[in-house]
């Protein structure tokens, strides 16, 4: 099982690096969104979700959350609302720091990691702001 997670991570990382290196603008933002959705699907396996429908549902909800954030912040290619973007990303950084402490406190924090809903929620906290950050960086590189 661990071997499969590593192989999948290498493939997703390769796709990510290819997208960053070779695509910019709308193509880059769209491609990275697709890579992030592959990551969301894979995150379900990390969270011990085995049902294919549940994985697809989580991935679909992730796509909806990404789109909602995209609409809220604005199109990075056409100009985004910094008054919303900056506080959101600062909050994300604080959440990431808390999650880093959560991971570092393992095994005493294992009781939280055994909760599938908590791990799935953590996936959104990690992935969605990271995608938005990369979308903004891709959009900035288009100019």
Protein backbone atom coordinates (compact mmCIF):
# COMPACT_ATOMS: atom_id res chain seq x y z
CA UNK A 1 0.00 0.00 0.00
CA UNK A 2 2.78 2.43 0.91
CA UNK A 3 4.60 1.59 -2.31
CA UNK A 4 1.52 2.53 -4.35
CA UNK A 5 1.22 5.87 -2.46
CA UNK A 6 4.86 6.66 -3.28
CA UNK A 7 4.43 5.79 -6.97
CA UNK A 8 1.31 7.94 -7.20
CA UNK A 9 3.05 10.81 -5.42
CA UNK A 10 5.96 10.65 -7.86
CA UNK A 11 3.58 10.73 -10.83
CA UNK A 12 1.58 13.65 -9.43
CA UNK A 13 4.79 15.51 -8.57
CA UNK A 14 6.04 14.98 -12.12
CA UNK A 15 2.78 16.32 -13.54
CA UNK A 16 2.95 19.30 -11.21
CA UNK A 17 6.54 20.14 -12.16
CA UNK A 18 5.73 19.74 -15.85
CA UNK A 19 2.79 22.10 -15.53
CA UNK A 20 4.84 24.70 -13.70
CA UNK A 21 7.74 24.45 -16.13
CA UNK A 22 5.93 24.30 -19.45
CA UNK A 23 2.54 25.98 -19.03
CA UNK A 24 1.47 29.45 -18.04
CA UNK A 25 -1.65 31.52 -18.03
CA UNK A 26 -5.03 29.83 -18.36
CA UNK A 27 -3.47 26.53 -19.47
CA UNK A 28 -1.20 26.45 -16.44
CA UNK A 29 -3.95 27.33 -13.98
CA UNK A 30 -6.31 24.74 -15.48
CA UNK A 31 -3.66 22.03 -15.62
CA UNK A 32 -2.65 22.64 -12.00
CA UNK A 33 -6.31 22.47 -10.99
CA UNK A 34 -6.55 19.05 -12.63
CA UNK A 35 -3.36 17.90 -10.88
CA UNK A 36 -4.76 19.11 -7.57
CA UNK A 37 -7.93 17.11 -8.15
CA UNK A 38 -5.81 14.00 -8.76
CA UNK A 39 -4.16 14.81 -5.45
CA UNK A 40 -7.57 15.08 -3.77
CA UNK A 41 -8.54 11.67 -5.10
CA UNK A 42 -5.28 10.24 -3.80
CA UNK A 43 -5.74 11.97 -0.44
CA UNK A 44 -8.79 9.78 0.09
CA UNK A 45 -6.56 6.72 0.09
CA UNK A 46 -4.36 8.42 2.68
CA UNK A 47 -7.52 8.96 4.75
CA UNK A 48 -8.40 5.24 4.43
CA UNK A 49 -11.37 5.86 2.14
CA UNK A 50 -11.66 2.85 -0.15
CA UNK A 51 -15.07 3.33 -1.73
CA UNK A 52 -14.66 4.69 -5.26
CA UNK A 53 -17.90 6.71 -5.06
CA UNK A 54 -16.76 8.33 -1.81
CA UNK A 55 -13.41 9.21 -3.40
CA UNK A 56 -15.16 10.74 -6.42
CA UNK A 57 -17.54 12.65 -4.12
CA UNK A 58 -14.62 14.09 -2.13
CA UNK A 59 -12.86 15.02 -5.36
CA UNK A 60 -16.03 16.63 -6.70
CA UNK A 61 -16.56 18.62 -3.50
CA UNK A 62 -12.91 19.68 -3.70
CA UNK A 63 -13.51 20.91 -7.25
CA UNK A 64 -16.57 22.86 -6.08
CA UNK A 65 -14.61 24.42 -3.21
CA UNK A 66 -11.80 25.37 -5.58
CA UNK A 67 -14.29 26.94 -7.99
CA UNK A 68 -16.08 28.81 -5.18
CA UNK A 69 -12.75 30.21 -4.00
CA UNK A 70 -11.86 31.09 -7.58
CA UNK A 71 -15.13 33.04 -7.90
CA UNK A 72 -14.69 34.70 -4.49
CA UNK A 73 -11.10 35.82 -5.06
CA UNK A 74 -11.44 36.50 -8.76
CA UNK A 75 -9.68 35.18 -11.82
CA UNK A 76 -5.92 35.32 -11.19
CA UNK A 77 -5.43 35.97 -14.91
CA UNK A 78 -7.78 38.95 -15.04
CA UNK A 79 -7.00 40.40 -11.65
CA UNK A 80 -7.85 39.05 -8.25
CA UNK A 81 -9.16 40.82 -5.17
CA UNK A 82 -6.15 41.25 -2.90
CA UNK A 83 -8.41 42.33 -0.04
CA UNK A 84 -9.77 38.76 0.02
CA UNK A 85 -6.70 36.87 -1.22
CA UNK A 86 -4.15 38.11 1.33
CA UNK A 87 -6.18 37.42 4.50
CA UNK A 88 -7.22 34.03 3.12
CA UNK A 89 -3.64 33.01 2.40
CA UNK A 90 -2.41 34.36 5.75
CA UNK A 91 -5.07 32.27 7.48
CA UNK A 92 -3.94 29.29 5.41
CA UNK A 93 -0.34 29.78 6.55
CA UNK A 94 -1.48 29.77 10.19
CA UNK A 95 -3.51 26.59 9.55
CA UNK A 96 -0.50 24.96 7.88
CA UNK A 97 1.67 25.84 10.89
CA UNK A 98 -0.89 24.29 13.25
CA UNK A 99 -1.06 21.19 11.07
CA UNK A 100 2.73 20.94 11.06
CA UNK A 101 2.67 20.91 14.85
CA UNK A 102 -0.10 18.31 14.67
CA UNK A 103 2.08 16.07 12.51
CA UNK A 104 5.18 16.67 14.64
CA UNK A 105 3.32 15.68 17.79
CA UNK A 106 2.69 12.20 16.39
CA UNK A 107 2.11 9.62 17.96
CA UNK A 108 0.36 11.57 20.75
CA UNK A 109 -1.84 13.20 18.08
CA UNK A 110 -2.70 9.81 16.54
CA UNK A 111 -6.19 9.98 17.98
CA UNK A 112 -6.91 12.82 15.51
CA UNK A 113 -5.28 11.00 12.60
CA UNK A 114 -7.51 7.98 13.11
CA UNK A 115 -10.56 10.07 12.32
CA UNK A 116 -11.26 9.85 8.58
CA UNK A 117 -13.38 13.04 8.53
CA UNK A 118 -10.58 14.95 10.26
CA UNK A 119 -7.99 13.72 7.74
CA UNK A 120 -10.30 14.62 4.84
CA UNK A 121 -10.85 18.09 6.31
CA UNK A 122 -7.09 18.46 6.71
CA UNK A 123 -6.75 17.65 3.02
CA UNK A 124 -8.91 20.63 2.12
CA UNK A 125 -7.01 22.89 4.50
CA UNK A 126 -3.73 21.84 2.87
CA UNK A 127 -4.70 21.50 -0.79
CA UNK A 128 -7.14 24.29 -1.58
CA UNK A 129 -5.04 27.26 -0.41
CA UNK A 130 -1.97 25.65 -1.99
CA UNK A 131 -3.81 25.41 -5.31
CA UNK A 132 -4.91 29.04 -5.08
CA UNK A 133 -1.33 30.09 -4.35
CA UNK A 134 -0.05 28.18 -7.36
CA UNK A 135 -2.84 29.58 -9.56
CA UNK A 136 -1.83 33.12 -8.59
CA UNK A 137 1.84 32.35 -9.23
CA UNK A 138 0.99 30.80 -12.61
CA UNK A 139 -1.10 33.85 -13.51
CA UNK A 140 1.70 36.18 -12.44
CA UNK A 141 4.16 34.31 -14.64
CA UNK A 142 1.90 34.88 -17.64
CA UNK A 143 2.63 38.60 -17.60
